């Protein structure tokens, strides 16, 4: 096994789903040593008590954030609730690298952030240095960054197919419809009525219609590709499953372009990428094909309506949509081979 310099890691918000998946993945990372775990309401307990599947690992007990000894930390993963990370990151010494899994640093416009999240930005000076961490398309910026804004799960599934196609001019930027479905873990581990078994099982429902907070994030990043402001149609749905994102994306082709051109562009873009794959022609990817892995699968289909095409993009919302992509970004930041600690094959069925 290749030897790497030890990386001392703190995970803030380790008692949530993303925090637990960070622990699960980092336990097999040869450079990682977890030195601090925070969980405000679980402080004093072991991770094995909170998450029995992690029992047996050599881990520190959960503490409160103010008890973390920053002198022992090289990298911090923040898996805290939205709206709480900005103030915390301001208190972290500036030599420590930070990867934020919340939405607190994703929107570059602080007024837009205040509008969508309902309170003023609390770390404006840090927002200016935050790098949006869609690894496959921001690698050079990530390599030089101290603070990474890890993308949201829906935006990751939407951008991986759309960015290369917009860049190549193959689709109409003003005719994008994203119909997305998520597993219940995307809502977090807090007790909420809408996440109760009786509310979720045996059905599917749309939510955040025309007002979901991931819409401005997607628009921000796609607008930066085409060089002007875009508006997209985005509707998320909650599915009775634990993990996974499936985005069905409807696009209009630019004149003279075809679904075959789209497939060719996506295959060429991702041919050397370890975690993004275009499925064989005629094969639709499913969330069960990526469950537990850092993979993203993209299917490309010609619509029966002339001049239109359909993309199907799937990821595991807790891995490529959160903790896995965060570790991928850490590897890039520290110049560790990008796949380190992320070689898990999807669990199927």
Protein backbone atom coordinates (compact mmCIF):
# COMPACT_ATOMS: atom_id res chain seq x y z
CA UNK A 1 0.00 0.00 0.00
CA UNK A 2 1.25 3.48 -0.89
CA UNK A 3 2.38 5.51 2.12
CA UNK A 4 1.13 9.09 2.62
CA UNK A 5 1.89 11.73 5.25
CA UNK A 6 -0.69 11.57 8.02
CA UNK A 7 -3.61 14.00 7.78
CA UNK A 8 -5.24 14.86 11.11
CA UNK A 9 -8.96 15.36 10.59
CA UNK A 10 -11.80 16.92 12.57
CA UNK A 11 -15.40 16.24 11.58
CA UNK A 12 -17.90 18.78 12.88
CA UNK A 13 -21.45 17.46 12.90
CA UNK A 14 -20.33 13.84 13.01
CA UNK A 15 -23.64 12.67 14.49
CA UNK A 16 -25.52 13.33 11.24
CA UNK A 17 -25.77 11.16 8.14
CA UNK A 18 -23.04 12.97 6.18
CA UNK A 19 -20.77 12.96 9.23
CA UNK A 20 -21.24 9.23 9.69
CA UNK A 21 -20.48 8.60 6.02
CA UNK A 22 -17.31 10.69 6.33
CA UNK A 23 -16.21 8.40 9.16
CA UNK A 24 -17.14 5.27 7.18
CA UNK A 25 -15.12 6.38 4.16
CA UNK A 26 -12.16 7.91 6.01
CA UNK A 27 -11.73 4.72 8.06
CA UNK A 28 -10.29 3.16 4.88
CA UNK A 29 -8.25 6.22 3.82
CA UNK A 30 -4.55 5.43 4.35
CA UNK A 31 -3.60 9.04 5.13
CA UNK A 32 -6.51 9.92 7.42
CA UNK A 33 -6.45 9.98 11.20
CA UNK A 34 -9.64 11.30 12.78
CA UNK A 35 -8.63 13.30 15.85
CA UNK A 36 -11.87 15.14 16.68
CA UNK A 37 -15.59 14.50 16.25
CA UNK A 38 -18.25 16.97 17.29
CA UNK A 39 -21.92 16.33 17.97
CA UNK A 40 -23.48 18.93 20.19
CA UNK A 41 -26.35 16.83 21.55
CA UNK A 42 -24.34 13.62 21.54
CA UNK A 43 -21.26 15.04 23.30
CA UNK A 44 -19.58 12.50 25.57
CA UNK A 45 -20.84 9.48 23.64
CA UNK A 46 -18.84 7.23 21.35
CA UNK A 47 -19.58 6.97 17.62
CA UNK A 48 -20.34 3.29 18.19
CA UNK A 49 -23.15 4.25 20.55
CA UNK A 50 -24.65 6.71 18.08
CA UNK A 51 -23.96 4.61 14.97
CA UNK A 52 -23.49 0.91 15.86
CA UNK A 53 -22.20 0.14 12.36
CA UNK A 54 -19.10 2.22 13.22
CA UNK A 55 -18.40 0.41 16.49
CA UNK A 56 -14.94 -1.16 16.62
CA UNK A 57 -13.19 1.73 14.88
CA UNK A 58 -10.57 3.60 16.89
CA UNK A 59 -12.23 7.00 17.17
CA UNK A 60 -12.33 9.88 19.64
CA UNK A 61 -15.54 10.48 21.56
CA UNK A 62 -17.99 13.10 20.36
CA UNK A 63 -17.44 16.54 21.87
CA UNK A 64 -18.78 20.05 21.59
CA UNK A 65 -17.12 22.24 18.93
CA UNK A 66 -15.55 24.56 21.50
CA UNK A 67 -13.67 21.57 22.97
CA UNK A 68 -11.79 20.78 19.73
CA UNK A 69 -8.03 21.28 20.00
CA UNK A 70 -7.26 23.04 16.72
CA UNK A 71 -3.50 22.65 17.22
CA UNK A 72 -3.99 18.93 16.49
CA UNK A 73 -5.98 19.42 13.24
CA UNK A 74 -4.92 19.74 9.58
CA UNK A 75 -8.30 19.46 7.82
CA UNK A 76 -11.84 20.16 9.01
CA UNK A 77 -14.96 18.70 7.43
CA UNK A 78 -18.03 20.72 8.41
CA UNK A 79 -21.20 18.62 8.25
CA UNK A 80 -23.23 21.10 10.29
CA UNK A 81 -26.79 22.30 9.58
CA UNK A 82 -27.19 25.12 7.05
CA UNK A 83 -26.85 28.54 8.66
CA UNK A 84 -24.49 27.43 11.43
CA UNK A 85 -21.22 26.89 9.58
CA UNK A 86 -20.23 30.48 8.74
CA UNK A 87 -19.73 31.54 12.35
CA UNK A 88 -17.89 28.30 13.14
CA UNK A 89 -15.49 28.59 10.20
CA UNK A 90 -14.63 32.15 11.24
CA UNK A 91 -13.31 30.72 14.52
CA UNK A 92 -11.09 28.05 12.90
CA UNK A 93 -7.39 29.03 12.62
CA UNK A 94 -6.56 30.19 9.09
CA UNK A 95 -3.84 27.59 8.48
CA UNK A 96 -6.39 24.75 8.66
CA UNK A 97 -8.08 23.61 5.46
CA UNK A 98 -11.88 23.54 5.60
CA UNK A 99 -14.35 21.57 3.48
CA UNK A 100 -17.91 22.65 4.16
CA UNK A 101 -20.68 20.20 3.26
CA UNK A 102 -23.46 22.65 4.18
CA UNK A 103 -24.78 25.35 1.83
CA UNK A 104 -23.20 28.21 3.78
CA UNK A 105 -20.50 29.12 1.25
CA UNK A 106 -21.97 27.87 -2.04
CA UNK A 107 -23.67 31.08 -3.19
CA UNK A 108 -21.09 33.70 -4.14
CA UNK A 109 -23.58 36.58 -3.98
CA UNK A 110 -24.17 37.39 -0.31
CA UNK A 111 -27.47 39.12 -1.09
CA UNK A 112 -28.68 36.02 -2.89
CA UNK A 113 -27.62 33.94 0.11
CA UNK A 114 -29.60 36.20 2.47
CA UNK A 115 -32.67 35.96 0.22
CA UNK A 116 -32.64 32.16 -0.09
CA UNK A 117 -31.51 31.25 3.44
CA UNK A 118 -33.39 33.92 5.39
CA UNK A 119 -30.52 35.59 7.27
CA UNK A 120 -27.48 37.76 6.47
CA UNK A 121 -24.20 36.08 5.59
CA UNK A 122 -22.07 35.90 8.74
CA UNK A 123 -18.63 35.47 7.13
CA UNK A 124 -18.52 37.80 4.13
CA UNK A 125 -14.73 38.01 4.19
CA UNK A 126 -14.46 34.23 3.96
CA UNK A 127 -17.00 33.95 1.14
CA UNK A 128 -14.56 35.78 -1.13
CA UNK A 129 -12.00 32.97 -0.76
CA UNK A 130 -14.40 30.02 -0.86
CA UNK A 131 -14.02 27.75 -3.91
CA UNK A 132 -17.02 25.85 -5.23
CA UNK A 133 -15.94 22.21 -5.12
CA UNK A 134 -17.42 20.41 -8.12
CA UNK A 135 -14.25 18.38 -8.40
CA UNK A 136 -14.26 17.35 -12.05
CA UNK A 137 -14.71 20.96 -13.23
CA UNK A 138 -12.96 23.00 -10.52
CA UNK A 139 -9.87 20.92 -9.89
CA UNK A 140 -7.25 23.65 -10.43
CA UNK A 141 -9.02 26.10 -8.11
CA UNK A 142 -9.58 23.39 -5.50
CA UNK A 143 -5.89 22.52 -5.51
CA UNK A 144 -5.00 26.05 -4.33
CA UNK A 145 -7.92 26.57 -1.94
CA UNK A 146 -8.16 26.68 1.83
CA UNK A 147 -11.98 26.78 2.03
CA UNK A 148 -14.13 24.54 -0.16
CA UNK A 149 -17.89 24.90 -0.56
CA UNK A 150 -18.89 21.33 -1.31
CA UNK A 151 -21.74 21.29 -3.86
CA UNK A 152 -25.24 20.20 -2.99
CA UNK A 153 -26.46 16.75 -3.99
CA UNK A 154 -29.06 17.88 -6.53
CA UNK A 155 -26.64 20.41 -8.10
CA UNK A 156 -23.94 17.75 -8.43
CA UNK A 157 -26.27 15.39 -10.29
CA UNK A 158 -27.46 18.19 -12.57
CA UNK A 159 -24.15 19.87 -13.33
CA UNK A 160 -22.10 16.81 -14.22
CA UNK A 161 -24.10 16.21 -17.42
CA UNK A 162 -25.02 19.83 -18.16
CA UNK A 163 -21.70 21.67 -17.78
CA UNK A 164 -19.89 19.90 -20.66
CA UNK A 165 -22.91 20.23 -22.95
CA UNK A 166 -23.32 23.95 -22.29
CA UNK A 167 -19.61 24.49 -22.70
CA UNK A 168 -19.75 22.76 -26.10
CA UNK A 169 -22.82 24.76 -27.17
CA UNK A 170 -24.87 21.62 -27.83
CA UNK A 171 -27.99 22.59 -25.87
CA UNK A 172 -30.14 25.69 -25.47
CA UNK A 173 -29.27 27.27 -22.09
CA UNK A 174 -32.79 28.69 -21.77
CA UNK A 175 -34.56 25.34 -22.23
CA UNK A 176 -33.41 23.20 -19.30
CA UNK A 177 -35.86 21.28 -17.11
CA UNK A 178 -34.53 19.25 -14.16
CA UNK A 179 -36.94 16.74 -12.61
CA UNK A 180 -35.08 15.26 -9.64
CA UNK A 181 -35.77 12.59 -7.01
CA UNK A 182 -33.98 12.09 -3.69
CA UNK A 183 -33.80 9.55 -0.91
CA UNK A 184 -34.98 10.58 2.56
CA UNK A 185 -31.45 10.89 3.99
CA UNK A 186 -31.13 14.12 2.00
CA UNK A 187 -33.36 15.76 4.61
CA UNK A 188 -30.84 15.02 7.37
CA UNK A 189 -31.19 13.10 10.63
CA UNK A 190 -33.25 15.64 12.58
CA UNK A 191 -36.75 14.53 13.46
CA UNK A 192 -39.13 16.19 10.98
CA UNK A 193 -42.77 15.40 10.25
CA UNK A 194 -42.18 15.24 6.49
CA UNK A 195 -39.49 12.57 7.01
CA UNK A 196 -41.56 10.23 9.18
CA UNK A 197 -42.08 6.72 7.82
CA UNK A 198 -45.84 7.23 7.54
CA UNK A 199 -45.30 10.44 5.55
CA UNK A 200 -42.72 9.03 3.13
CA UNK A 201 -43.41 5.34 2.56
CA UNK A 202 -45.67 4.06 -0.23
CA UNK A 203 -45.65 7.34 -2.09
CA UNK A 204 -43.70 10.13 -3.77
CA UNK A 205 -44.21 13.86 -3.47
CA UNK A 206 -42.77 17.05 -4.93
CA UNK A 207 -41.53 19.72 -2.55
CA UNK A 208 -39.88 23.13 -2.70
CA UNK A 209 -41.70 23.73 -5.98
CA UNK A 210 -40.27 26.81 -7.75
CA UNK A 211 -38.46 27.80 -4.54
CA UNK A 212 -35.92 25.10 -3.65
CA UNK A 213 -32.58 26.49 -2.45
CA UNK A 214 -30.59 24.34 -4.85
CA UNK A 215 -32.07 26.17 -7.86
CA UNK A 216 -29.96 29.34 -7.39
CA UNK A 217 -26.87 27.18 -6.83
CA UNK A 218 -27.44 25.36 -10.12
CA UNK A 219 -28.19 28.63 -11.91
CA UNK A 220 -25.07 30.29 -10.50
CA UNK A 221 -22.76 27.59 -11.80
CA UNK A 222 -24.43 27.08 -15.19
CA UNK A 223 -24.53 30.87 -15.70
CA UNK A 224 -20.77 31.00 -15.14
CA UNK A 225 -20.33 28.47 -17.97
CA UNK A 226 -22.34 30.41 -20.57
CA UNK A 227 -21.32 33.89 -19.39
CA UNK A 228 -24.81 35.24 -18.72
CA UNK A 229 -27.62 34.79 -16.23
CA UNK A 230 -29.69 31.65 -16.70
CA UNK A 231 -32.95 30.48 -15.20
CA UNK A 232 -33.71 26.77 -15.05
CA UNK A 233 -36.83 24.80 -14.16
CA UNK A 234 -36.04 22.58 -11.18
CA UNK A 235 -38.47 20.46 -9.17
CA UNK A 236 -37.29 18.00 -6.49
CA UNK A 237 -39.25 14.99 -5.24
CA UNK A 238 -38.89 12.83 -2.14
CA UNK A 239 -38.72 9.07 -2.69
CA UNK A 240 -39.33 6.26 -0.18
CA UNK A 241 -35.68 5.13 -0.19
CA UNK A 242 -32.72 5.92 2.04
CA UNK A 243 -30.06 6.96 -0.47
CA UNK A 244 -29.79 8.26 -3.98
CA UNK A 245 -30.47 11.11 -6.38
CA UNK A 246 -31.92 10.60 -9.85
CA UNK A 247 -32.21 13.65 -12.08
CA UNK A 248 -34.09 13.40 -15.34
CA UNK A 249 -33.06 16.43 -17.39
CA UNK A 250 -34.93 17.61 -20.49
CA UNK A 251 -33.00 19.76 -22.97
CA UNK A 252 -33.47 21.34 -26.40
CA UNK A 253 -30.63 20.73 -28.82
CA UNK A 254 -29.08 23.64 -30.69
CA UNK A 255 -29.58 23.54 -34.48
CA UNK A 256 -27.54 20.83 -36.18
CA UNK A 257 -26.78 18.95 -32.95
CA UNK A 258 -27.95 15.49 -31.94
CA UNK A 259 -28.14 13.21 -28.92
CA UNK A 260 -25.20 11.33 -30.44
CA UNK A 261 -23.17 14.56 -30.27
CA UNK A 262 -24.14 14.89 -26.60
CA UNK A 263 -23.01 11.34 -25.88
CA UNK A 264 -19.72 11.89 -27.71
CA UNK A 265 -19.02 15.10 -25.76
CA UNK A 266 -19.81 13.57 -22.38
CA UNK A 267 -17.76 10.45 -23.10
CA UNK A 268 -14.78 12.57 -24.17
CA UNK A 269 -15.13 14.89 -21.17
CA UNK A 270 -15.18 12.08 -18.63
CA UNK A 271 -13.05 9.43 -20.32
CA UNK A 272 -10.24 9.86 -17.77
CA UNK A 273 -12.42 10.71 -14.78
CA UNK A 274 -12.53 7.89 -12.21
CA UNK A 275 -15.95 8.74 -10.77
CA UNK A 276 -18.09 9.77 -13.75
CA UNK A 277 -19.24 7.31 -16.39
CA UNK A 278 -21.62 7.50 -19.36
CA UNK A 279 -23.79 4.38 -19.55
CA UNK A 280 -23.96 2.32 -22.76
CA UNK A 281 -26.42 3.53 -25.37
CA UNK A 282 -29.97 2.56 -24.46
CA UNK A 283 -29.09 1.85 -20.82
CA UNK A 284 -30.75 3.99 -18.15
CA UNK A 285 -28.76 4.35 -14.91
CA UNK A 286 -30.46 3.72 -11.57
CA UNK A 287 -29.69 4.87 -8.05
CA UNK A 288 -29.09 1.24 -7.08
CA UNK A 289 -26.12 1.24 -9.49
CA UNK A 290 -24.26 3.85 -7.40
CA UNK A 291 -25.47 3.17 -3.84
CA UNK A 292 -22.63 3.53 -1.33
CA UNK A 293 -20.12 4.62 -3.99
CA UNK A 294 -18.64 7.90 -5.21
CA UNK A 295 -19.74 7.18 -8.77
CA UNK A 296 -21.96 9.30 -11.01
CA UNK A 297 -23.63 7.62 -13.98
CA UNK A 298 -25.12 9.53 -16.92
CA UNK A 299 -27.51 8.17 -19.54
CA UNK A 300 -28.16 9.99 -22.84
CA UNK A 301 -31.34 9.52 -24.89
CA UNK A 302 -32.82 11.11 -27.99
CA UNK A 303 -36.37 12.26 -27.29
CA UNK A 304 -39.14 11.21 -29.65
CA UNK A 305 -39.80 14.96 -30.04
CA UNK A 306 -37.43 16.22 -32.76
CA UNK A 307 -34.72 18.55 -31.50
CA UNK A 308 -34.97 17.45 -27.90
CA UNK A 309 -33.01 15.01 -25.72
CA UNK A 310 -33.18 13.50 -22.24
CA UNK A 311 -30.37 12.97 -19.73
CA UNK A 312 -30.60 10.69 -16.70
CA UNK A 313 -28.02 11.35 -13.98
CA UNK A 314 -27.64 9.33 -10.78
CA UNK A 315 -25.47 9.64 -7.67
CA UNK A 316 -25.55 8.55 -4.03
CA UNK A 317 -26.60 11.77 -2.27
CA UNK A 318 -24.50 10.99 0.82
CA UNK A 319 -21.34 10.05 -1.11
CA UNK A 320 -20.83 11.82 -4.45
CA UNK A 321 -23.48 14.28 -3.29
CA UNK A 322 -21.75 15.02 0.02
CA UNK A 323 -19.07 13.09 1.94
CA UNK A 324 -17.41 11.27 -0.96
CA UNK A 325 -17.00 14.41 -3.03
CA UNK A 326 -15.69 16.17 0.09
CA UNK A 327 -12.97 13.54 0.49
CA UNK A 328 -12.25 13.74 -3.25
CA UNK A 329 -11.73 17.48 -2.77
CA UNK A 330 -9.47 16.90 0.23
CA UNK A 331 -7.34 14.56 -1.86
CA UNK A 332 -6.99 17.22 -4.55
CA UNK A 333 -6.15 19.93 -1.99
CA UNK A 334 -3.44 17.79 -0.40
CA UNK A 335 -2.12 16.36 -3.70
CA UNK A 336 -3.09 12.83 -2.70
CA UNK A 337 -4.23 10.56 -5.59
CA UNK A 338 -7.86 11.49 -6.08
CA UNK A 339 -9.34 8.02 -5.73
CA UNK A 340 -7.68 7.36 -2.36
CA UNK A 341 -10.24 6.10 0.15
CA UNK A 342 -13.00 6.17 -2.47
CA UNK A 343 -12.65 2.91 -4.34
CA UNK A 344 -15.83 1.34 -2.95
CA UNK A 345 -17.90 -0.42 -5.60
CA UNK A 346 -21.64 0.24 -5.45
CA UNK A 347 -23.77 -2.09 -3.31
CA UNK A 348 -26.15 -3.96 -5.62
CA UNK A 349 -28.89 -4.95 -5.28
